[in-house]
Amino acid sequence: MSMKEKLHTRELYLPDDDEIMQEQLMCLDRLYDFNMTRPTELSKREEMLKEMFAEIGKDCYIEPPLHSNWGGKHCHFGDCVYANFNLTLVDDTHIYIGSNTMIGPNVTIATAGHPILPELREKAYQYNAAVHIGKNCWLGAGVIVLPGVTIGDNSVIGAGSVVTKDVPENVVAVGNPCRVLREIGERDREYYFKDLKIKL
C-alpha cells in the first residue's frame, strides 16, 4: 500500500511522500487563489469552492481566510453551512459537516495526529481519523475539534471548547476537555440568550 493510500485508513504514514506533496501543493495553490478573492466576488468564491471541496451543498459561505491542508479536497459540506473568519480544516482525511451548521471565527477541525512515541514522531509519522459534525450544529468561536470525533445533530459547542470525544445530538457542550453541560430543552423555546425572550 502506498503512503497516499494510507491517508484514509488511520494507519501510520509519511506525509512528505513525493506523490502526496505534489497533489497537496496543487490544492494549496487553489486555496491561495480563493483567499485572494475580493469580498464582492461572491459567485466566484462559490464556484471555486465547488472545485476545491469533495462535496459542497447549495448556499454555503466560507469567509476568507480559509486555512486547509488539502484546500478542502477531503471536505464534505451539506447545504447552507456558514463559516466565519479563519476556519482551519486539517483535512488530511475526510471531514463531514451537515447542512445548516454554523462555525464561528478561529475554529479548527483536525483529522491529523502524530504518535506519542518520540522515535516515530522524529521520523514525522502521521495518522488521520475522519471527523463527523451533524446537521444544524453551532461551533462557537475558537472551538477545536480533534481527530476521530463525531458531534451529533443540533448540538452547540461553546466558544473555546476542545472537543476530544464524541458529543451526542441535541446538547450544549463546553469546556476543555469538552463535556455535555445540558440537553437542549423547553427553556430554549422561550429564551434565546440569557433572559432575552424569543419574540418573532
N, C-alpha and C. Protein backbone atom coordinates (compact mmCIF):
# COMPACT_ATOMS: atom_id res chain seq x y z
N MET A 1 0.85 -1.19 0.00
CA MET A 1 0.00 0.00 0.00
C MET A 1 0.88 1.24 0.00
N SER A 2 0.58 2.19 -0.87
CA SER A 2 1.38 3.41 -0.96
C SER A 2 1.05 4.33 0.21
N MET A 3 1.93 5.31 0.44
CA MET A 3 1.69 6.29 1.50
C MET A 3 0.38 7.03 1.26
N LYS A 4 0.12 7.39 0.02
CA LYS A 4 -1.10 8.13 -0.30
C LYS A 4 -2.35 7.29 0.01
N GLU A 5 -2.27 5.99 -0.24
CA GLU A 5 -3.41 5.11 0.04
C GLU A 5 -3.70 5.00 1.53
N LYS A 6 -2.71 5.32 2.36
CA LYS A 6 -2.89 5.25 3.82
C LYS A 6 -3.54 6.49 4.42
N LEU A 7 -3.75 7.52 3.60
CA LEU A 7 -4.33 8.77 4.10
C LEU A 7 -5.64 8.54 4.85
N HIS A 8 -6.47 7.64 4.35
CA HIS A 8 -7.83 7.48 4.86
C HIS A 8 -8.03 6.17 5.62
N THR A 9 -6.95 5.56 6.09
CA THR A 9 -7.05 4.24 6.74
C THR A 9 -6.77 4.25 8.24
N ARG A 10 -6.36 5.39 8.79
CA ARG A 10 -5.91 5.52 10.19
C ARG A 10 -4.55 4.88 10.42
N GLU A 11 -3.91 4.38 9.37
CA GLU A 11 -2.57 3.80 9.52
C GLU A 11 -1.50 4.89 9.55
N LEU A 12 -0.36 4.55 10.11
CA LEU A 12 0.77 5.48 10.11
C LEU A 12 1.33 5.61 8.70
N TYR A 13 1.68 6.84 8.32
CA TYR A 13 2.27 7.09 7.01
C TYR A 13 3.17 8.31 7.09
N LEU A 14 3.90 8.58 6.03
CA LEU A 14 4.80 9.73 5.97
C LEU A 14 4.20 10.79 5.06
N PRO A 15 3.79 11.94 5.61
CA PRO A 15 3.10 12.95 4.80
C PRO A 15 3.99 13.69 3.81
N ASP A 16 5.31 13.54 3.93
CA ASP A 16 6.20 14.22 2.97
C ASP A 16 6.52 13.35 1.76
N ASP A 17 5.76 12.28 1.59
CA ASP A 17 5.88 11.42 0.41
C ASP A 17 5.70 12.27 -0.86
N ASP A 18 6.50 11.99 -1.88
CA ASP A 18 6.51 12.82 -3.09
C ASP A 18 5.13 12.89 -3.76
N GLU A 19 4.45 11.75 -3.86
CA GLU A 19 3.14 11.73 -4.51
C GLU A 19 2.13 12.58 -3.74
N ILE A 20 2.18 12.48 -2.42
CA ILE A 20 1.28 13.27 -1.58
C ILE A 20 1.59 14.76 -1.73
N MET A 21 2.86 15.12 -1.63
CA MET A 21 3.25 16.52 -1.67
C MET A 21 2.88 17.18 -2.99
N GLN A 22 3.05 16.47 -4.08
CA GLN A 22 2.75 17.03 -5.38
C GLN A 22 1.27 17.40 -5.50
N GLU A 23 0.41 16.49 -5.08
CA GLU A 23 -1.03 16.76 -5.17
C GLU A 23 -1.46 17.82 -4.16
N GLN A 24 -0.89 17.76 -2.97
CA GLN A 24 -1.25 18.70 -1.93
C GLN A 24 -0.89 20.14 -2.32
N LEU A 25 0.26 20.32 -2.93
CA LEU A 25 0.67 21.66 -3.34
C LEU A 25 -0.27 22.25 -4.38
N MET A 26 -0.77 21.43 -5.28
CA MET A 26 -1.74 21.92 -6.26
C MET A 26 -3.01 22.41 -5.56
N CYS A 27 -3.45 21.67 -4.54
CA CYS A 27 -4.63 22.09 -3.78
C CYS A 27 -4.38 23.40 -3.03
N LEU A 28 -3.18 23.56 -2.49
CA LEU A 28 -2.85 24.76 -1.74
C LEU A 28 -2.75 25.98 -2.65
N ASP A 29 -2.31 25.79 -3.88
CA ASP A 29 -2.31 26.88 -4.86
C ASP A 29 -3.72 27.40 -5.09
N ARG A 30 -4.67 26.47 -5.21
CA ARG A 30 -6.07 26.85 -5.45
C ARG A 30 -6.64 27.56 -4.22
N LEU A 31 -6.27 27.08 -3.04
CA LEU A 31 -6.70 27.72 -1.81
C LEU A 31 -6.18 29.15 -1.73
N TYR A 32 -4.94 29.35 -2.14
CA TYR A 32 -4.36 30.70 -2.16
C TYR A 32 -5.21 31.62 -3.04
N ASP A 33 -5.60 31.12 -4.21
CA ASP A 33 -6.43 31.92 -5.12
C ASP A 33 -7.77 32.27 -4.47
N PHE A 34 -8.37 31.31 -3.76
CA PHE A 34 -9.63 31.57 -3.07
C PHE A 34 -9.48 32.69 -2.05
N ASN A 35 -8.43 32.62 -1.27
CA ASN A 35 -8.20 33.62 -0.22
C ASN A 35 -7.87 35.01 -0.77
N MET A 36 -7.49 35.09 -2.03
CA MET A 36 -7.18 36.38 -2.64
C MET A 36 -8.39 37.01 -3.34
N THR A 37 -9.55 36.36 -3.29
CA THR A 37 -10.74 36.94 -3.92
C THR A 37 -11.20 38.17 -3.14
N ARG A 38 -11.89 39.05 -3.86
CA ARG A 38 -12.44 40.26 -3.24
C ARG A 38 -13.79 39.95 -2.58
N PRO A 39 -14.17 40.73 -1.57
CA PRO A 39 -15.46 40.50 -0.90
C PRO A 39 -16.66 40.55 -1.84
N THR A 40 -16.54 41.29 -2.94
CA THR A 40 -17.65 41.39 -3.89
C THR A 40 -17.73 40.20 -4.85
N GLU A 41 -16.73 39.33 -4.84
CA GLU A 41 -16.67 38.22 -5.80
C GLU A 41 -17.33 36.96 -5.23
N LEU A 42 -18.56 37.11 -4.80
CA LEU A 42 -19.25 36.00 -4.12
C LEU A 42 -19.49 34.82 -5.05
N SER A 43 -19.91 35.09 -6.27
CA SER A 43 -20.17 33.98 -7.20
C SER A 43 -18.89 33.26 -7.58
N LYS A 44 -17.80 34.01 -7.69
CA LYS A 44 -16.51 33.39 -7.98
C LYS A 44 -16.08 32.47 -6.84
N ARG A 45 -16.25 32.93 -5.61
CA ARG A 45 -15.92 32.10 -4.45
C ARG A 45 -16.74 30.82 -4.44
N GLU A 46 -18.02 30.96 -4.74
CA GLU A 46 -18.91 29.80 -4.74
C GLU A 46 -18.46 28.77 -5.76
N GLU A 47 -18.11 29.21 -6.95
CA GLU A 47 -17.64 28.30 -7.99
C GLU A 47 -16.32 27.64 -7.60
N MET A 48 -15.43 28.41 -7.00
CA MET A 48 -14.14 27.86 -6.58
C MET A 48 -14.32 26.77 -5.52
N LEU A 49 -15.21 27.00 -4.56
CA LEU A 49 -15.44 26.00 -3.52
C LEU A 49 -15.96 24.70 -4.11
N LYS A 50 -16.79 24.79 -5.14
CA LYS A 50 -17.29 23.58 -5.80
C LYS A 50 -16.15 22.77 -6.41
N GLU A 51 -15.12 23.46 -6.90
CA GLU A 51 -13.96 22.78 -7.48
C GLU A 51 -13.02 22.25 -6.40
N MET A 52 -12.89 22.99 -5.31
CA MET A 52 -11.91 22.67 -4.27
C MET A 52 -12.36 21.54 -3.35
N PHE A 53 -13.65 21.52 -3.00
CA PHE A 53 -14.15 20.59 -1.99
C PHE A 53 -14.57 19.26 -2.61
N ALA A 54 -14.53 18.21 -1.80
CA ALA A 54 -15.03 16.91 -2.25
C ALA A 54 -16.53 17.02 -2.54
N GLU A 55 -17.25 17.69 -1.64
CA GLU A 55 -18.69 17.96 -1.81
C GLU A 55 -19.00 19.26 -1.09
N ILE A 56 -19.80 20.10 -1.71
CA ILE A 56 -20.29 21.29 -1.02
C ILE A 56 -21.68 21.60 -1.53
N GLY A 57 -22.62 21.75 -0.60
CA GLY A 57 -24.01 21.95 -0.96
C GLY A 57 -24.31 23.38 -1.39
N LYS A 58 -25.58 23.65 -1.58
CA LYS A 58 -26.00 24.99 -2.03
C LYS A 58 -25.95 25.98 -0.87
N ASP A 59 -25.71 27.23 -1.22
CA ASP A 59 -25.77 28.36 -0.28
C ASP A 59 -24.81 28.22 0.90
N CYS A 60 -23.66 27.61 0.66
CA CYS A 60 -22.61 27.59 1.69
C CYS A 60 -21.79 28.87 1.59
N TYR A 61 -21.30 29.33 2.72
CA TYR A 61 -20.48 30.54 2.74
C TYR A 61 -19.30 30.34 3.69
N ILE A 62 -18.11 30.53 3.17
CA ILE A 62 -16.90 30.46 3.98
C ILE A 62 -16.18 31.80 3.85
N GLU A 63 -16.01 32.48 4.96
CA GLU A 63 -15.36 33.79 4.97
C GLU A 63 -13.84 33.62 4.92
N PRO A 64 -13.17 34.12 3.88
CA PRO A 64 -11.71 34.06 3.88
C PRO A 64 -11.14 34.90 5.03
N PRO A 65 -9.94 34.57 5.53
CA PRO A 65 -9.11 33.49 5.02
C PRO A 65 -9.52 32.12 5.55
N LEU A 66 -9.48 31.16 4.65
CA LEU A 66 -9.67 29.75 4.97
C LEU A 66 -8.31 29.08 4.96
N HIS A 67 -8.05 28.27 5.97
CA HIS A 67 -6.79 27.51 6.05
C HIS A 67 -7.13 26.03 5.96
N SER A 68 -6.44 25.31 5.10
CA SER A 68 -6.79 23.91 4.89
C SER A 68 -5.60 23.15 4.31
N ASN A 69 -5.25 22.05 4.95
CA ASN A 69 -4.08 21.27 4.50
C ASN A 69 -4.19 20.81 3.05
N TRP A 70 -5.41 20.48 2.64
CA TRP A 70 -5.64 20.00 1.28
C TRP A 70 -6.62 20.89 0.52
N GLY A 71 -6.79 22.12 0.98
CA GLY A 71 -7.65 23.06 0.28
C GLY A 71 -9.09 22.63 0.17
N GLY A 72 -9.54 21.79 1.09
CA GLY A 72 -10.92 21.32 1.07
C GLY A 72 -11.14 20.03 0.30
N LYS A 73 -10.09 19.47 -0.25
CA LYS A 73 -10.22 18.28 -1.12
C LYS A 73 -10.93 17.12 -0.44
N HIS A 74 -10.78 16.99 0.87
CA HIS A 74 -11.38 15.88 1.61
C HIS A 74 -12.55 16.33 2.48
N CYS A 75 -13.15 17.49 2.15
CA CYS A 75 -14.23 18.05 2.96
C CYS A 75 -15.58 17.88 2.26
N HIS A 76 -16.59 17.49 3.06
CA HIS A 76 -17.93 17.22 2.56
C HIS A 76 -18.91 18.09 3.36
N PHE A 77 -19.41 19.16 2.76
CA PHE A 77 -20.33 20.08 3.42
C PHE A 77 -21.73 19.90 2.85
N GLY A 78 -22.74 19.93 3.73
CA GLY A 78 -24.12 19.93 3.28
C GLY A 78 -24.53 21.30 2.77
N ASP A 79 -25.82 21.58 2.78
CA ASP A 79 -26.34 22.87 2.33
C ASP A 79 -26.27 23.91 3.46
N CYS A 80 -26.11 25.16 3.06
CA CYS A 80 -26.24 26.30 3.99
C CYS A 80 -25.29 26.22 5.19
N VAL A 81 -24.09 25.72 4.97
CA VAL A 81 -23.06 25.75 6.02
C VAL A 81 -22.42 27.13 6.00
N TYR A 82 -22.28 27.74 7.18
CA TYR A 82 -21.65 29.05 7.29
C TYR A 82 -20.41 28.94 8.16
N ALA A 83 -19.30 29.49 7.68
CA ALA A 83 -18.06 29.50 8.45
C ALA A 83 -17.48 30.91 8.46
N ASN A 84 -17.20 31.41 9.64
CA ASN A 84 -16.63 32.75 9.81
C ASN A 84 -15.11 32.73 9.57
N PHE A 85 -14.46 33.88 9.80
CA PHE A 85 -13.04 34.05 9.51
C PHE A 85 -12.16 32.97 10.15
N ASN A 86 -11.09 32.62 9.44
CA ASN A 86 -10.00 31.79 9.98
C ASN A 86 -10.42 30.37 10.33
N LEU A 87 -11.33 29.78 9.55
CA LEU A 87 -11.59 28.36 9.71
C LEU A 87 -10.35 27.59 9.28
N THR A 88 -9.90 26.67 10.13
CA THR A 88 -8.76 25.82 9.80
C THR A 88 -9.26 24.38 9.69
N LEU A 89 -9.12 23.82 8.51
CA LEU A 89 -9.51 22.43 8.24
C LEU A 89 -8.25 21.61 8.01
N VAL A 90 -7.89 20.82 8.99
CA VAL A 90 -6.75 19.91 8.82
C VAL A 90 -7.32 18.67 8.15
N ASP A 91 -7.53 18.80 6.85
CA ASP A 91 -8.31 17.80 6.10
C ASP A 91 -7.43 16.77 5.40
N ASP A 92 -6.51 16.19 6.16
CA ASP A 92 -5.68 15.12 5.59
C ASP A 92 -6.50 13.87 5.32
N THR A 93 -7.63 13.73 6.00
CA THR A 93 -8.65 12.77 5.62
C THR A 93 -10.00 13.47 5.70
N HIS A 94 -11.08 12.73 5.65
CA HIS A 94 -12.39 13.32 5.41
C HIS A 94 -12.97 14.06 6.62
N ILE A 95 -13.58 15.21 6.32
CA ILE A 95 -14.35 15.99 7.29
C ILE A 95 -15.76 16.12 6.72
N TYR A 96 -16.75 15.71 7.51
CA TYR A 96 -18.16 15.76 7.09
C TYR A 96 -18.90 16.77 7.97
N ILE A 97 -19.57 17.75 7.35
CA ILE A 97 -20.32 18.76 8.10
C ILE A 97 -21.72 18.83 7.51
N GLY A 98 -22.73 18.63 8.36
CA GLY A 98 -24.11 18.58 7.91
C GLY A 98 -24.70 19.94 7.59
N SER A 99 -25.82 19.94 6.92
CA SER A 99 -26.50 21.16 6.49
C SER A 99 -26.87 22.06 7.67
N ASN A 100 -26.84 23.37 7.41
CA ASN A 100 -27.26 24.42 8.35
C ASN A 100 -26.39 24.52 9.59
N THR A 101 -25.19 23.97 9.53
CA THR A 101 -24.26 24.12 10.64
C THR A 101 -23.55 25.47 10.53
N MET A 102 -23.36 26.11 11.69
CA MET A 102 -22.70 27.41 11.77
C MET A 102 -21.38 27.25 12.52
N ILE A 103 -20.34 27.89 11.99
CA ILE A 103 -18.99 27.77 12.55
C ILE A 103 -18.46 29.16 12.83
N GLY A 104 -18.14 29.43 14.09
CA GLY A 104 -17.64 30.74 14.49
C GLY A 104 -16.22 30.99 14.03
N PRO A 105 -15.69 32.20 14.31
CA PRO A 105 -14.33 32.52 13.89
C PRO A 105 -13.28 31.69 14.63
N ASN A 106 -12.17 31.46 13.96
CA ASN A 106 -10.99 30.81 14.56
C ASN A 106 -11.25 29.39 15.05
N VAL A 107 -12.08 28.67 14.33
CA VAL A 107 -12.35 27.26 14.66
C VAL A 107 -11.36 26.37 13.92
N THR A 108 -10.89 25.33 14.60
CA THR A 108 -10.01 24.33 13.99
C THR A 108 -10.67 22.96 14.04
N ILE A 109 -10.74 22.31 12.88
CA ILE A 109 -11.24 20.94 12.80
C ILE A 109 -10.10 20.09 12.26
N ALA A 110 -9.56 19.22 13.10
CA ALA A 110 -8.34 18.49 12.76
C ALA A 110 -8.60 17.01 12.61
N THR A 111 -8.09 16.43 11.52
CA THR A 111 -8.16 14.97 11.34
C THR A 111 -6.81 14.31 11.53
N ALA A 112 -5.74 15.08 11.58
CA ALA A 112 -4.38 14.51 11.60
C ALA A 112 -3.83 14.47 13.01
N GLY A 113 -3.12 13.40 13.30
CA GLY A 113 -2.44 13.25 14.58
C GLY A 113 -1.07 12.63 14.39
N HIS A 114 -0.30 12.63 15.47
CA HIS A 114 1.05 12.05 15.43
C HIS A 114 1.22 11.11 16.62
N PRO A 115 2.02 10.07 16.46
CA PRO A 115 2.19 9.10 17.55
C PRO A 115 2.80 9.75 18.80
N ILE A 116 2.49 9.20 19.94
CA ILE A 116 3.08 9.67 21.19
C ILE A 116 4.56 9.28 21.25
N LEU A 117 4.91 8.12 20.71
CA LEU A 117 6.28 7.62 20.80
C LEU A 117 7.25 8.57 20.10
N PRO A 118 8.23 9.12 20.81
CA PRO A 118 9.13 10.12 20.23
C PRO A 118 9.88 9.63 18.99
N GLU A 119 10.27 8.36 18.98
CA GLU A 119 11.03 7.85 17.83
C GLU A 119 10.23 7.89 16.54
N LEU A 120 8.92 7.69 16.65
CA LEU A 120 8.08 7.75 15.46
C LEU A 120 7.83 9.20 15.03
N ARG A 121 7.66 10.09 16.01
CA ARG A 121 7.46 11.50 15.67
C ARG A 121 8.73 12.09 15.05
N GLU A 122 9.87 11.62 15.51
CA GLU A 122 11.15 12.10 14.97
C GLU A 122 11.24 11.79 13.48
N LYS A 123 10.61 10.72 13.05
CA LYS A 123 10.60 10.35 11.63
C LYS A 123 9.42 10.97 10.88
N ALA A 124 8.61 11.80 11.61
CA ALA A 124 7.49 12.56 11.03
C ALA A 124 6.28 11.70 10.65
N TYR A 125 6.11 10.55 11.31
CA TYR A 125 4.93 9.73 11.03
C TYR A 125 3.65 10.44 11.47
N GLN A 126 2.59 10.14 10.76
CA GLN A 126 1.28 10.76 10.98
C GLN A 126 0.20 9.71 10.77
N TYR A 127 -0.97 9.95 11.36
CA TYR A 127 -2.17 9.15 11.08
C TYR A 127 -3.34 10.11 10.98
N ASN A 128 -4.41 9.70 10.35
CA ASN A 128 -5.58 10.55 10.17
C ASN A 128 -6.85 9.80 10.58
N ALA A 129 -7.79 10.53 11.19
CA ALA A 129 -9.08 9.95 11.58
C ALA A 129 -10.18 10.96 11.23
N ALA A 130 -11.18 10.51 10.49
CA ALA A 130 -12.23 11.39 9.98
C ALA A 130 -13.04 12.03 11.12
N VAL A 131 -13.55 13.23 10.84
CA VAL A 131 -14.41 13.97 11.76
C VAL A 131 -15.80 14.08 11.14
N HIS A 132 -16.84 13.87 11.96
CA HIS A 132 -18.24 13.98 11.52
C HIS A 132 -18.95 15.00 12.40
N ILE A 133 -19.49 16.05 11.79
CA ILE A 133 -20.27 17.05 12.50
C ILE A 133 -21.67 17.05 11.89
N GLY A 134 -22.68 16.95 12.73
CA GLY A 134 -24.04 16.75 12.26
C GLY A 134 -24.69 17.98 11.66
N LYS A 135 -25.98 17.86 11.42
CA LYS A 135 -26.78 18.95 10.86
C LYS A 135 -27.14 19.95 11.95
N ASN A 136 -27.24 21.23 11.56
CA ASN A 136 -27.77 22.27 12.42
C ASN A 136 -27.01 22.41 13.72
N CYS A 137 -25.71 22.21 13.67
CA CYS A 137 -24.86 22.42 14.84
C CYS A 137 -24.35 23.86 14.85
N TRP A 138 -23.85 24.28 16.00
CA TRP A 138 -23.19 25.59 16.12
C TRP A 138 -21.91 25.39 16.90
N LEU A 139 -20.78 25.69 16.26
CA LEU A 139 -19.48 25.66 16.91
C LEU A 139 -19.07 27.09 17.19
N GLY A 140 -18.96 27.45 18.47
CA GLY A 140 -18.62 28.82 18.85
C GLY A 140 -17.18 29.17 18.51
N ALA A 141 -16.86 30.44 18.69
CA ALA A 141 -15.53 30.95 18.35
C ALA A 141 -14.43 30.17 19.07
N GLY A 142 -13.39 29.85 18.33
CA GLY A 142 -12.21 29.23 18.92
C GLY A 142 -12.34 27.76 19.29
N VAL A 143 -13.38 27.10 18.85
CA VAL A 143 -13.54 25.66 19.13
C VAL A 143 -12.47 24.86 18.38
N ILE A 144 -11.97 23.82 19.03
CA ILE A 144 -11.03 22.88 18.41
C ILE A 144 -11.65 21.49 18.46
N VAL A 145 -11.77 20.87 17.30
CA VAL A 145 -12.32 19.51 17.20
C VAL A 145 -11.17 18.58 16.80
N LEU A 146 -10.93 17.55 17.60
CA LEU A 146 -9.78 16.66 17.40
C LEU A 146 -10.13 15.47 16.51
N PRO A 147 -9.10 14.77 16.01
CA PRO A 147 -9.32 13.66 15.07
C PRO A 147 -10.25 12.58 15.61
N GLY A 148 -11.11 12.08 14.70
CA GLY A 148 -11.98 10.95 15.02
C GLY A 148 -13.26 11.29 15.75
N VAL A 149 -13.50 12.58 16.04
CA VAL A 149 -14.66 13.00 16.83
C VAL A 149 -15.92 13.04 15.97
N THR A 150 -17.05 12.70 16.58
CA THR A 150 -18.38 12.89 15.98
C THR A 150 -19.19 13.80 16.89
N ILE A 151 -19.85 14.81 16.28
CA ILE A 151 -20.75 15.71 17.01
C ILE A 151 -22.14 15.52 16.43
N GLY A 152 -23.12 15.22 17.30
CA GLY A 152 -24.46 14.89 16.84
C GLY A 152 -25.25 16.10 16.36
N ASP A 153 -26.33 15.83 15.63
CA ASP A 153 -27.20 16.87 15.08
C ASP A 153 -27.68 17.83 16.17
N ASN A 154 -27.80 19.10 15.80
CA ASN A 154 -28.41 20.16 16.62
C ASN A 154 -27.60 20.57 17.84
N SER A 155 -26.44 20.01 18.05
CA SER A 155 -25.68 20.33 19.26
C SER A 155 -24.90 21.63 19.12
N VAL A 156 -24.69 22.28 20.26
CA VAL A 156 -23.96 23.54 20.34
C VAL A 156 -22.68 23.29 21.13
N ILE A 157 -21.56 23.71 20.56
CA ILE A 157 -20.26 23.60 21.24
C ILE A 157 -19.83 25.00 21.65
N GLY A 158 -19.68 25.23 22.95
CA GLY A 158 -19.37 26.55 23.47
C GLY A 158 -18.01 27.06 23.03
N ALA A 159 -17.90 28.38 22.94
CA ALA A 159 -16.67 29.03 22.50
C ALA A 159 -15.47 28.55 23.31
N GLY A 160 -14.37 28.31 22.61
CA GLY A 160 -13.12 27.92 23.26
C GLY A 160 -13.02 26.47 23.68
N SER A 161 -14.03 25.68 23.38
CA SER A 161 -14.02 24.27 23.80
C SER A 161 -13.05 23.45 22.97
N VAL A 162 -12.49 22.42 23.59
CA VAL A 162 -11.62 21.46 22.91
C VAL A 162 -12.33 20.11 22.94
N VAL A 163 -12.81 19.69 21.76
CA VAL A 163 -13.66 18.50 21.67
C VAL A 163 -12.77 17.29 21.43
N THR A 164 -12.57 16.50 22.47
CA THR A 164 -11.68 15.34 22.41
C THR A 164 -12.44 14.03 22.23
N LYS A 165 -13.75 14.04 22.54
CA LYS A 165 -14.58 12.83 22.46
C LYS A 165 -15.90 13.15 21.79
N ASP A 166 -16.62 12.12 21.37
CA ASP A 166 -17.90 12.30 20.70
C ASP A 166 -18.88 13.08 21.59
N VAL A 167 -19.71 13.89 20.93
CA VAL A 167 -20.76 14.67 21.59
C VAL A 167 -22.10 14.21 21.02
N PRO A 168 -23.08 13.86 21.87
CA PRO A 168 -24.37 13.39 21.34
C PRO A 168 -25.17 14.52 20.70
N GLU A 169 -26.29 14.17 20.09
CA GLU A 169 -27.14 15.18 19.48
C GLU A 169 -27.96 15.92 20.53
N ASN A 170 -28.41 17.12 20.17
CA ASN A 170 -29.35 17.92 20.99
C ASN A 170 -28.83 18.28 22.37
N VAL A 171 -27.54 18.67 22.45
CA VAL A 171 -26.98 19.09 23.73
C VAL A 171 -26.15 20.36 23.55
N VAL A 172 -25.92 21.03 24.68
CA VAL A 172 -24.93 22.10 24.77
C VAL A 172 -23.72 21.50 25.49
N ALA A 173 -22.55 21.60 24.87
CA ALA A 173 -21.33 21.04 25.44
C ALA A 173 -20.26 22.12 25.46
N VAL A 174 -19.49 22.17 26.54
CA VAL A 174 -18.50 23.24 26.71
C VAL A 174 -17.26 22.72 27.42
N GLY A 175 -16.17 23.48 27.32
CA GLY A 175 -15.01 23.26 28.17
C GLY A 175 -13.83 22.58 27.50
N ASN A 176 -12.79 22.42 28.29
CA ASN A 176 -11.55 21.76 27.86
C ASN A 176 -11.11 20.80 28.95
N PRO A 177 -11.33 19.48 28.72
CA PRO A 177 -11.97 18.89 27.54
C PRO A 177 -13.47 19.15 27.54
N CYS A 178 -14.05 19.16 26.34
CA CYS A 178 -15.47 19.47 26.17
C CYS A 178 -16.34 18.39 26.80
N ARG A 179 -17.31 18.84 27.61
CA ARG A 179 -18.26 17.92 28.25
C ARG A 179 -19.68 18.44 28.06
N VAL A 180 -20.64 17.54 28.08
CA VAL A 180 -22.04 17.94 27.96
C VAL A 180 -22.45 18.74 29.19
N LEU A 181 -22.96 19.95 28.95
CA LEU A 181 -23.45 20.81 30.03
C LEU A 181 -24.91 20.51 30.33
N ARG A 182 -25.69 20.38 29.24
CA ARG A 182 -27.13 20.13 29.41
C ARG A 182 -27.74 19.75 28.07
N GLU A 183 -28.94 19.21 28.13
CA GLU A 183 -29.71 18.97 26.91
C GLU A 183 -30.39 20.26 26.46
N ILE A 184 -30.62 20.38 25.17
CA ILE A 184 -31.44 21.47 24.65
C ILE A 184 -32.88 21.15 25.01
N GLY A 185 -33.57 22.11 25.69
CA GLY A 185 -34.89 21.78 26.23
C GLY A 185 -35.92 22.88 26.07
N GLU A 186 -36.95 22.82 26.93
CA GLU A 186 -38.10 23.72 26.83
C GLU A 186 -37.73 25.18 27.04
N ARG A 187 -36.79 25.45 27.95
CA ARG A 187 -36.41 26.85 28.19
C ARG A 187 -35.86 27.49 26.92
N ASP A 188 -35.20 26.69 26.09
CA ASP A 188 -34.63 27.20 24.85
C ASP A 188 -35.70 27.60 23.84
N ARG A 189 -36.92 27.12 24.04
CA ARG A 189 -38.03 27.53 23.18
C ARG A 189 -38.54 28.92 23.56
N GLU A 190 -38.18 29.38 24.77
CA GLU A 190 -38.66 30.67 25.26
C GLU A 190 -37.57 31.74 25.26
N TYR A 191 -36.33 31.33 25.57
CA TYR A 191 -35.23 32.29 25.68
C TYR A 191 -34.13 31.93 24.68
N TYR A 192 -33.61 32.96 23.98
CA TYR A 192 -32.55 32.71 23.02
C TYR A 192 -31.16 33.08 23.54
N PHE A 193 -31.10 33.95 24.57
CA PHE A 193 -29.82 34.32 25.17
C PHE A 193 -30.07 34.84 26.57
N LYS A 194 -29.53 34.15 27.56
CA LYS A 194 -29.72 34.52 28.96
C LYS A 194 -31.21 34.74 29.24
N ASP A 195 -31.61 35.99 29.60
CA ASP A 195 -33.01 36.26 29.92
C ASP A 195 -33.74 36.99 28.79
N LEU A 196 -33.23 36.92 27.57
CA LEU A 196 -33.86 37.56 26.43
C LEU A 196 -34.85 36.59 25.79
N LYS A 197 -36.12 37.01 25.74
CA LYS A 197 -37.18 36.14 25.23
C LYS A 197 -37.26 36.19 23.71
N ILE A 198 -37.62 35.05 23.13
CA ILE A 198 -37.87 34.97 21.69
C ILE A 198 -39.17 35.68 21.38
N LYS A 199 -39.09 36.68 20.47
CA LYS A 199 -40.29 37.43 20.05
C LYS A 199 -40.24 37.54 18.54
N LEU A 200 -40.75 36.54 17.87
CA LEU A 200 -40.72 36.55 16.39
C LEU A 200 -42.11 36.75 15.82
